[in-house]
Every structure is written in C-alpha cells, then in structure tokens.
Amino acid sequence: MRVWDEIKIARATSILWYKRKEGGEGERKKASSERMETEKKIDYRALLLLSVGHLVDDLPQGALPALLPFLKESLGLSYAMAGTIILCSNLTSSVIQPVFGYITDRKSLFWFLPLGCFCAGLGIALLGWASSYPQVIILVILSGLGVAIYHPDHSQMIS
C-alpha cells in the first residue's frame, strides 16, 4: 500500500471517528455519503492535461529504440554501444524514479511535472546534434531523468 493511500485512509477514518463521536450513527452515514460525492467529482480538464503530459513525457523514451539504427550508422556504434544507450535510458527512467518518488512524498513539488516533460523532450531533441557517443549517453540520461522526475508527481496528482 502506498503512503498516499494510507494517508487517505487515515484522514477518512479520523473524519468518520469525529463525526461518530459528535453525532452518532446518522452523522457517520452522512459523512460517508459526503465523501463519496466528493470522490465522484472528476476534473476532466486536469485529467486531460495530465494525460497529454504523460504522452509528452513517455514519447521520447518510446522513440529512442526507433532512433538507434540512425545513431548506430551515423556514429559508427557497435551493437553493445547501442544496447548501452538503451540501458542508460532504462536505468535513469526506472531505477532512479523511486528517489524522486521519495522526494515528492516528502514535499509536493508540482513544478516537477513541467520539468520532467521538458528534460525528457530536450534530451531526445538534442540527440540529433550529438557528435559523439558520450554526448549521446549524456542526452539519453537527461531524457531518462525527465521521465523519472515526471512519473511520481503525476501519480500523486491522480490518486
């Protein structure tokens, strides 16, 4: 169970306990129905923005395997070097993501959402001008960090 789920359960439990202590069973049912009404309200505009942001954030990482044949040919890379590019992308976007999740659980940093999209897009956009293998690795790491920055804060806003 995630930390935010536990916080929501704790808040809901304390609200129900407070209502029960104050007004009895009738108040408890009222608090429960009020909570259900607030949970049913969906902000579709915010949901659309988050969905488009998620698309913008994940698109560069999905495009990287399609760019590998061009990078391999233009820079004269071996298959091992091309595989290392994908490895760096996956490590920075997946393995480092819990670190950013820990940070956003401690303090809500909503500016991580646009920063993540920007870094993910910038890394892949500049990949076309990379003239050496180390530049490719640095840009792929930048893009992977953008993906890792975006997802924890995105998940926090959805839940």
N, C-alpha and C. Protein backbone atom coordinates (compact mmCIF):
# COMPACT_ATOMS: atom_id res chain seq x y z
N MET A 1 0.85 -1.17 0.00
CA MET A 1 0.00 0.00 0.00
C MET A 1 0.90 1.24 0.00
N ARG A 2 0.57 2.19 -0.85
CA ARG A 2 1.39 3.39 -0.96
C ARG A 2 1.13 4.34 0.20
N VAL A 3 2.06 5.23 0.40
CA VAL A 3 1.97 6.18 1.50
C VAL A 3 0.73 7.05 1.37
N TRP A 4 0.44 7.51 0.13
CA TRP A 4 -0.71 8.40 -0.05
C TRP A 4 -2.02 7.67 0.23
N ASP A 5 -2.09 6.39 -0.11
CA ASP A 5 -3.30 5.62 0.19
C ASP A 5 -3.50 5.51 1.70
N GLU A 6 -2.40 5.29 2.43
CA GLU A 6 -2.50 5.20 3.87
C GLU A 6 -2.94 6.53 4.48
N ILE A 7 -2.46 7.64 3.93
CA ILE A 7 -2.86 8.94 4.43
C ILE A 7 -4.34 9.18 4.18
N LYS A 8 -4.82 8.80 2.98
CA LYS A 8 -6.24 8.97 2.67
C LYS A 8 -7.10 8.14 3.61
N ILE A 9 -6.69 6.92 3.88
CA ILE A 9 -7.45 6.06 4.78
C ILE A 9 -7.45 6.65 6.19
N ALA A 10 -6.29 7.15 6.62
CA ALA A 10 -6.20 7.75 7.95
C ALA A 10 -7.09 8.98 8.06
N ARG A 11 -7.10 9.81 7.02
CA ARG A 11 -7.96 11.00 7.04
C ARG A 11 -9.43 10.61 7.06
N ALA A 12 -9.81 9.66 6.22
CA ALA A 12 -11.20 9.22 6.17
C ALA A 12 -11.62 8.62 7.51
N THR A 13 -10.75 7.84 8.12
CA THR A 13 -11.06 7.22 9.40
C THR A 13 -11.23 8.27 10.48
N SER A 14 -10.35 9.26 10.51
CA SER A 14 -10.44 10.29 11.55
C SER A 14 -11.69 11.15 11.35
N ILE A 15 -12.08 11.42 10.12
CA ILE A 15 -13.30 12.19 9.87
C ILE A 15 -14.51 11.40 10.35
N LEU A 16 -14.55 10.11 10.01
CA LEU A 16 -15.68 9.29 10.45
C LEU A 16 -15.71 9.16 11.97
N TRP A 17 -14.54 9.02 12.61
CA TRP A 17 -14.49 8.90 14.06
C TRP A 17 -14.98 10.19 14.70
N TYR A 18 -14.57 11.32 14.16
CA TYR A 18 -15.01 12.61 14.69
C TYR A 18 -16.52 12.76 14.54
N LYS A 19 -17.05 12.40 13.38
CA LYS A 19 -18.50 12.52 13.15
C LYS A 19 -19.26 11.58 14.09
N ARG A 20 -18.74 10.37 14.29
CA ARG A 20 -19.41 9.41 15.15
C ARG A 20 -19.41 9.91 16.59
N LYS A 21 -18.29 10.47 17.02
CA LYS A 21 -18.18 10.95 18.38
C LYS A 21 -19.15 12.11 18.63
N GLU A 22 -19.31 12.95 17.61
CA GLU A 22 -20.15 14.13 17.75
C GLU A 22 -21.63 13.81 17.65
N GLY A 23 -22.02 13.07 16.60
CA GLY A 23 -23.44 12.97 16.34
C GLY A 23 -23.99 11.57 16.23
N GLY A 24 -23.22 10.56 16.40
CA GLY A 24 -23.75 9.20 16.34
C GLY A 24 -23.75 8.62 14.94
N GLU A 25 -24.56 7.57 14.77
CA GLU A 25 -24.57 6.79 13.54
C GLU A 25 -25.08 7.57 12.34
N GLY A 26 -26.09 8.42 12.53
CA GLY A 26 -26.64 9.20 11.43
C GLY A 26 -25.59 10.12 10.82
N GLU A 27 -24.81 10.73 11.66
CA GLU A 27 -23.74 11.62 11.17
C GLU A 27 -22.67 10.83 10.43
N ARG A 28 -22.43 9.61 10.88
CA ARG A 28 -21.42 8.77 10.22
C ARG A 28 -21.85 8.47 8.79
N LYS A 29 -23.12 8.10 8.60
CA LYS A 29 -23.62 7.83 7.26
C LYS A 29 -23.57 9.07 6.39
N LYS A 30 -23.87 10.22 6.98
CA LYS A 30 -23.83 11.48 6.25
C LYS A 30 -22.40 11.79 5.81
N ALA A 31 -21.43 11.59 6.69
CA ALA A 31 -20.03 11.84 6.35
C ALA A 31 -19.58 10.90 5.24
N SER A 32 -20.03 9.66 5.30
CA SER A 32 -19.67 8.68 4.28
C SER A 32 -20.24 9.08 2.92
N SER A 33 -21.51 9.53 2.90
CA SER A 33 -22.12 9.92 1.63
C SER A 33 -21.49 11.20 1.09
N GLU A 34 -21.10 12.13 1.97
CA GLU A 34 -20.42 13.35 1.52
C GLU A 34 -19.07 13.01 0.89
N ARG A 35 -18.36 12.08 1.50
CA ARG A 35 -17.07 11.68 0.97
C ARG A 35 -17.22 11.03 -0.40
N MET A 36 -18.27 10.22 -0.57
CA MET A 36 -18.49 9.56 -1.85
C MET A 36 -18.85 10.59 -2.93
N GLU A 37 -19.60 11.63 -2.56
CA GLU A 37 -19.95 12.66 -3.54
C GLU A 37 -18.72 13.42 -4.00
N THR A 38 -17.80 13.71 -3.07
CA THR A 38 -16.60 14.44 -3.46
C THR A 38 -15.66 13.55 -4.29
N GLU A 39 -15.69 12.25 -4.04
CA GLU A 39 -14.85 11.35 -4.82
C GLU A 39 -15.37 11.19 -6.24
N LYS A 40 -16.66 11.38 -6.48
CA LYS A 40 -17.24 11.20 -7.80
C LYS A 40 -16.95 12.38 -8.72
N LYS A 41 -16.63 13.53 -8.17
CA LYS A 41 -16.36 14.70 -8.99
C LYS A 41 -15.00 14.54 -9.66
N ILE A 42 -15.01 14.55 -10.98
CA ILE A 42 -13.79 14.37 -11.75
C ILE A 42 -13.53 15.65 -12.53
N ASP A 43 -12.34 16.17 -12.39
CA ASP A 43 -11.94 17.35 -13.16
C ASP A 43 -11.36 16.85 -14.48
N TYR A 44 -12.19 16.82 -15.51
CA TYR A 44 -11.77 16.27 -16.79
C TYR A 44 -10.70 17.11 -17.47
N ARG A 45 -10.71 18.41 -17.24
CA ARG A 45 -9.69 19.26 -17.84
C ARG A 45 -8.31 18.93 -17.26
N ALA A 46 -8.25 18.76 -15.94
CA ALA A 46 -6.99 18.39 -15.30
C ALA A 46 -6.55 16.99 -15.74
N LEU A 47 -7.51 16.09 -15.85
CA LEU A 47 -7.21 14.73 -16.29
C LEU A 47 -6.66 14.73 -17.72
N LEU A 48 -7.25 15.57 -18.58
CA LEU A 48 -6.76 15.69 -19.95
C LEU A 48 -5.34 16.25 -19.99
N LEU A 49 -5.09 17.28 -19.19
CA LEU A 49 -3.74 17.86 -19.14
C LEU A 49 -2.71 16.85 -18.64
N LEU A 50 -3.06 16.10 -17.61
CA LEU A 50 -2.14 15.08 -17.10
C LEU A 50 -1.91 13.98 -18.13
N SER A 51 -2.95 13.61 -18.86
CA SER A 51 -2.81 12.57 -19.89
C SER A 51 -1.92 13.03 -21.03
N VAL A 52 -2.12 14.27 -21.48
CA VAL A 52 -1.27 14.81 -22.55
C VAL A 52 0.16 14.96 -22.05
N GLY A 53 0.32 15.40 -20.80
CA GLY A 53 1.66 15.50 -20.22
C GLY A 53 2.35 14.15 -20.15
N HIS A 54 1.58 13.13 -19.81
CA HIS A 54 2.14 11.77 -19.75
C HIS A 54 2.58 11.31 -21.14
N LEU A 55 1.77 11.63 -22.14
CA LEU A 55 2.13 11.29 -23.52
C LEU A 55 3.42 12.00 -23.92
N VAL A 56 3.49 13.29 -23.62
CA VAL A 56 4.68 14.07 -23.97
C VAL A 56 5.90 13.55 -23.23
N ASP A 57 5.72 13.09 -22.01
CA ASP A 57 6.84 12.60 -21.23
C ASP A 57 7.32 11.23 -21.69
N ASP A 58 6.40 10.34 -22.06
CA ASP A 58 6.78 8.98 -22.44
C ASP A 58 7.15 8.83 -23.91
N LEU A 59 6.73 9.76 -24.74
CA LEU A 59 7.02 9.67 -26.18
C LEU A 59 8.52 9.66 -26.49
N PRO A 60 9.32 10.52 -25.89
CA PRO A 60 10.76 10.48 -26.20
C PRO A 60 11.41 9.14 -25.86
N GLN A 61 11.02 8.56 -24.74
CA GLN A 61 11.62 7.27 -24.38
C GLN A 61 11.17 6.17 -25.32
N GLY A 62 9.95 6.26 -25.80
CA GLY A 62 9.47 5.27 -26.77
C GLY A 62 10.10 5.46 -28.15
N ALA A 63 10.53 6.69 -28.44
CA ALA A 63 11.14 6.96 -29.74
C ALA A 63 12.61 6.56 -29.79
N LEU A 64 13.23 6.39 -28.65
CA LEU A 64 14.66 6.08 -28.62
C LEU A 64 15.02 4.80 -29.37
N PRO A 65 14.31 3.69 -29.21
CA PRO A 65 14.67 2.49 -29.99
C PRO A 65 14.55 2.70 -31.50
N ALA A 66 13.63 3.55 -31.92
CA ALA A 66 13.49 3.84 -33.35
C ALA A 66 14.66 4.68 -33.86
N LEU A 67 15.27 5.45 -32.98
CA LEU A 67 16.40 6.29 -33.38
C LEU A 67 17.74 5.53 -33.38
N LEU A 68 17.78 4.39 -32.72
CA LEU A 68 19.05 3.65 -32.60
C LEU A 68 19.70 3.28 -33.94
N PRO A 69 18.98 2.80 -34.95
CA PRO A 69 19.66 2.49 -36.22
C PRO A 69 20.33 3.71 -36.84
N PHE A 70 19.71 4.86 -36.72
CA PHE A 70 20.30 6.08 -37.27
C PHE A 70 21.54 6.50 -36.48
N LEU A 71 21.46 6.39 -35.16
CA LEU A 71 22.61 6.71 -34.32
C LEU A 71 23.76 5.74 -34.57
N LYS A 72 23.42 4.46 -34.71
CA LYS A 72 24.43 3.43 -34.95
C LYS A 72 25.17 3.69 -36.25
N GLU A 73 24.43 4.06 -37.28
CA GLU A 73 25.06 4.30 -38.58
C GLU A 73 25.87 5.60 -38.60
N SER A 74 25.31 6.67 -38.05
CA SER A 74 25.99 7.97 -38.14
C SER A 74 27.22 8.07 -37.23
N LEU A 75 27.19 7.39 -36.09
CA LEU A 75 28.32 7.46 -35.17
C LEU A 75 29.20 6.22 -35.21
N GLY A 76 28.84 5.25 -36.02
CA GLY A 76 29.63 4.02 -36.12
C GLY A 76 29.64 3.22 -34.83
N LEU A 77 28.50 3.07 -34.22
CA LEU A 77 28.40 2.38 -32.93
C LEU A 77 28.29 0.87 -33.13
N SER A 78 28.77 0.13 -32.16
CA SER A 78 28.60 -1.32 -32.16
C SER A 78 27.24 -1.64 -31.54
N TYR A 79 26.85 -2.91 -31.62
CA TYR A 79 25.58 -3.31 -31.00
C TYR A 79 25.65 -3.18 -29.48
N ALA A 80 26.81 -3.42 -28.91
CA ALA A 80 26.97 -3.27 -27.46
C ALA A 80 26.79 -1.81 -27.05
N MET A 81 27.33 -0.91 -27.84
CA MET A 81 27.17 0.52 -27.53
C MET A 81 25.71 0.95 -27.66
N ALA A 82 25.03 0.44 -28.67
CA ALA A 82 23.61 0.75 -28.85
C ALA A 82 22.79 0.19 -27.69
N GLY A 83 23.14 -1.00 -27.25
CA GLY A 83 22.47 -1.59 -26.09
C GLY A 83 22.72 -0.80 -24.82
N THR A 84 23.90 -0.25 -24.69
CA THR A 84 24.24 0.57 -23.53
C THR A 84 23.41 1.86 -23.51
N ILE A 85 23.11 2.38 -24.68
CA ILE A 85 22.24 3.57 -24.76
C ILE A 85 20.87 3.25 -24.17
N ILE A 86 20.32 2.12 -24.56
CA ILE A 86 19.01 1.71 -24.02
C ILE A 86 19.11 1.42 -22.53
N LEU A 87 20.21 0.80 -22.11
CA LEU A 87 20.41 0.50 -20.70
C LEU A 87 20.43 1.79 -19.87
N CYS A 88 21.16 2.79 -20.35
CA CYS A 88 21.21 4.08 -19.63
C CYS A 88 19.83 4.73 -19.56
N SER A 89 19.09 4.63 -20.63
CA SER A 89 17.73 5.19 -20.64
C SER A 89 16.85 4.48 -19.61
N ASN A 90 16.89 3.17 -19.60
CA ASN A 90 16.04 2.41 -18.68
C ASN A 90 16.47 2.58 -17.22
N LEU A 91 17.77 2.62 -16.99
CA LEU A 91 18.24 2.80 -15.61
C LEU A 91 17.85 4.16 -15.05
N THR A 92 18.04 5.19 -15.85
CA THR A 92 17.73 6.53 -15.33
C THR A 92 16.23 6.78 -15.23
N SER A 93 15.44 6.16 -16.08
CA SER A 93 14.00 6.41 -16.00
C SER A 93 13.30 5.50 -14.99
N SER A 94 13.82 4.33 -14.74
CA SER A 94 13.13 3.37 -13.87
C SER A 94 13.78 3.22 -12.50
N VAL A 95 15.07 3.03 -12.47
CA VAL A 95 15.73 2.73 -11.21
C VAL A 95 15.82 3.97 -10.32
N ILE A 96 16.00 5.14 -10.91
CA ILE A 96 16.12 6.37 -10.12
C ILE A 96 14.76 6.94 -9.75
N GLN A 97 13.72 6.49 -10.40
CA GLN A 97 12.36 7.02 -10.17
C GLN A 97 11.93 6.95 -8.70
N PRO A 98 12.21 5.88 -7.95
CA PRO A 98 11.82 5.88 -6.53
C PRO A 98 12.47 6.99 -5.71
N VAL A 99 13.64 7.44 -6.10
CA VAL A 99 14.28 8.56 -5.39
C VAL A 99 13.42 9.81 -5.53
N PHE A 100 12.97 10.08 -6.75
CA PHE A 100 12.10 11.24 -6.96
C PHE A 100 10.75 11.03 -6.29
N GLY A 101 10.29 9.78 -6.23
CA GLY A 101 9.06 9.49 -5.51
C GLY A 101 9.19 9.79 -4.03
N TYR A 102 10.32 9.46 -3.46
CA TYR A 102 10.59 9.76 -2.05
C TYR A 102 10.59 11.27 -1.82
N ILE A 103 11.22 12.00 -2.73
CA ILE A 103 11.28 13.46 -2.61
C ILE A 103 9.88 14.06 -2.69
N THR A 104 9.08 13.63 -3.68
CA THR A 104 7.74 14.21 -3.83
C THR A 104 6.77 13.75 -2.74
N ASP A 105 7.04 12.62 -2.09
CA ASP A 105 6.22 12.21 -0.96
C ASP A 105 6.48 13.11 0.25
N ARG A 106 7.70 13.58 0.38
CA ARG A 106 8.05 14.46 1.50
C ARG A 106 7.55 15.88 1.28
N LYS A 107 7.68 16.36 0.05
CA LYS A 107 7.28 17.73 -0.26
C LYS A 107 6.70 17.74 -1.67
N SER A 108 5.51 18.28 -1.80
CA SER A 108 4.86 18.32 -3.11
C SER A 108 5.52 19.37 -3.99
N LEU A 109 6.12 18.93 -5.06
CA LEU A 109 6.81 19.82 -5.98
C LEU A 109 6.11 19.73 -7.34
N PHE A 110 5.08 20.54 -7.53
CA PHE A 110 4.29 20.46 -8.75
C PHE A 110 5.07 20.95 -9.97
N TRP A 111 6.14 21.68 -9.77
CA TRP A 111 6.94 22.11 -10.90
C TRP A 111 7.75 20.95 -11.48
N PHE A 112 7.74 19.79 -10.80
CA PHE A 112 8.40 18.60 -11.35
C PHE A 112 7.70 18.13 -12.63
N LEU A 113 6.39 18.35 -12.73
CA LEU A 113 5.66 17.91 -13.92
C LEU A 113 6.18 18.58 -15.18
N PRO A 114 6.20 19.91 -15.27
CA PRO A 114 6.74 20.52 -16.50
C PRO A 114 8.24 20.30 -16.66
N LEU A 115 8.96 20.24 -15.54
CA LEU A 115 10.41 19.99 -15.63
C LEU A 115 10.69 18.61 -16.23
N GLY A 116 9.92 17.61 -15.81
CA GLY A 116 10.10 16.26 -16.34
C GLY A 116 9.83 16.20 -17.84
N CYS A 117 8.74 16.81 -18.27
CA CYS A 117 8.42 16.84 -19.70
C CYS A 117 9.50 17.56 -20.49
N PHE A 118 9.97 18.68 -19.94
CA PHE A 118 11.00 19.47 -20.63
C PHE A 118 12.30 18.69 -20.77
N CYS A 119 12.75 18.07 -19.69
CA CYS A 119 14.01 17.31 -19.73
C CYS A 119 13.92 16.10 -20.66
N ALA A 120 12.79 15.40 -20.60
CA ALA A 120 12.61 14.22 -21.46
C ALA A 120 12.64 14.62 -22.93
N GLY A 121 11.94 15.69 -23.26
CA GLY A 121 11.91 16.15 -24.65
C GLY A 121 13.23 16.75 -25.10
N LEU A 122 13.87 17.52 -24.22
CA LEU A 122 15.13 18.17 -24.58
C LEU A 122 16.22 17.16 -24.86
N GLY A 123 16.30 16.13 -24.03
CA GLY A 123 17.34 15.11 -24.22
C GLY A 123 17.23 14.43 -25.57
N ILE A 124 16.03 14.05 -25.97
CA ILE A 124 15.85 13.38 -27.25
C ILE A 124 15.95 14.37 -28.40
N ALA A 125 15.48 15.59 -28.21
CA ALA A 125 15.55 16.59 -29.29
C ALA A 125 17.00 16.93 -29.65
N LEU A 126 17.85 17.03 -28.65
CA LEU A 126 19.26 17.36 -28.91
C LEU A 126 20.07 16.16 -29.37
N LEU A 127 19.47 14.99 -29.30
CA LEU A 127 20.17 13.77 -29.72
C LEU A 127 20.58 13.82 -31.19
N GLY A 128 19.81 14.52 -32.01
CA GLY A 128 20.15 14.63 -33.43
C GLY A 128 21.42 15.41 -33.68
N TRP A 129 21.81 16.28 -32.76
CA TRP A 129 23.04 17.06 -32.93
C TRP A 129 24.23 16.47 -32.19
N ALA A 130 24.05 15.35 -31.54
CA ALA A 130 25.16 14.73 -30.82
C ALA A 130 26.20 14.23 -31.81
N SER A 131 27.45 14.58 -31.55
CA SER A 131 28.51 14.20 -32.49
C SER A 131 29.42 13.11 -31.94
N SER A 132 29.17 12.68 -30.71
CA SER A 132 29.99 11.60 -30.14
C SER A 132 29.15 10.72 -29.23
N TYR A 133 29.69 9.57 -28.94
CA TYR A 133 28.99 8.61 -28.10
C TYR A 133 28.76 9.14 -26.68
N PRO A 134 29.75 9.78 -26.03
CA PRO A 134 29.48 10.33 -24.69
C PRO A 134 28.36 11.39 -24.69
N GLN A 135 28.27 12.18 -25.73
CA GLN A 135 27.18 13.15 -25.81
C GLN A 135 25.83 12.44 -25.89
N VAL A 136 25.78 11.36 -26.66
CA VAL A 136 24.54 10.58 -26.76
C VAL A 136 24.14 10.04 -25.39
N ILE A 137 25.09 9.49 -24.66
CA ILE A 137 24.82 8.93 -23.34
C ILE A 137 24.31 10.02 -22.39
N ILE A 138 24.95 11.18 -22.39
CA ILE A 138 24.53 12.28 -21.51
C ILE A 138 23.11 12.73 -21.84
N LEU A 139 22.80 12.85 -23.13
CA LEU A 139 21.46 13.29 -23.52
C LEU A 139 20.40 12.24 -23.21
N VAL A 140 20.75 10.98 -23.36
CA VAL A 140 19.80 9.91 -23.03
C VAL A 140 19.56 9.87 -21.51
N ILE A 141 20.60 10.11 -20.74
CA ILE A 141 20.44 10.18 -19.28
C ILE A 141 19.56 11.36 -18.90
N LEU A 142 19.76 12.50 -19.55
CA LEU A 142 18.90 13.67 -19.31
C LEU A 142 17.44 13.34 -19.60
N SER A 143 17.20 12.68 -20.71
CA SER A 143 15.85 12.30 -21.07
C SER A 143 15.26 11.31 -20.07
N GLY A 144 16.05 10.34 -19.66
CA GLY A 144 15.59 9.37 -18.67
C GLY A 144 15.28 10.00 -17.33
N LEU A 145 16.09 10.98 -16.93
CA LEU A 145 15.81 11.69 -15.68
C LEU A 145 14.51 12.47 -15.78
N GLY A 146 14.23 13.02 -16.96
CA GLY A 146 12.96 13.72 -17.16
C GLY A 146 11.78 12.79 -16.96
N VAL A 147 11.90 11.58 -17.48
CA VAL A 147 10.83 10.59 -17.30
C VAL A 147 10.71 10.22 -15.82
N ALA A 148 11.84 10.05 -15.15
CA ALA A 148 11.83 9.67 -13.73
C ALA A 148 11.28 10.79 -12.85
N ILE A 149 11.51 12.03 -13.24
CA ILE A 149 11.01 13.16 -12.46
C ILE A 149 9.49 13.27 -12.58
N TYR A 150 8.98 13.03 -13.76
CA TYR A 150 7.55 13.26 -14.04
C TYR A 150 6.63 12.26 -13.34
N HIS A 151 6.95 10.99 -13.40
CA HIS A 151 6.00 9.95 -13.01
C HIS A 151 5.58 9.97 -11.54
N PRO A 152 6.46 10.14 -10.56
CA PRO A 152 5.95 10.12 -9.18
C PRO A 152 4.98 11.25 -8.88
N ASP A 153 5.28 12.46 -9.37
CA ASP A 153 4.38 13.58 -9.10
C ASP A 153 3.07 13.41 -9.85
N HIS A 154 3.13 12.83 -11.04
CA HIS A 154 1.92 12.53 -11.82
C HIS A 154 1.04 11.54 -11.06
N SER A 155 1.64 10.51 -10.54
CA SER A 155 0.88 9.51 -9.78
C SER A 155 0.27 10.10 -8.53
N GLN A 156 0.98 11.02 -7.91
CA GLN A 156 0.48 11.67 -6.70
C GLN A 156 -0.76 12.50 -7.02
N MET A 157 -0.77 13.16 -8.16
CA MET A 157 -1.90 14.01 -8.52
C MET A 157 -3.12 13.17 -8.92
N ILE A 158 -2.90 12.01 -9.52
CA ILE A 158 -4.01 11.16 -9.94
C ILE A 158 -4.71 10.56 -8.73
N SER A 159 -3.93 10.12 -7.75
CA SER A 159 -4.54 9.43 -6.59
C SER A 159 -5.14 10.38 -5.60
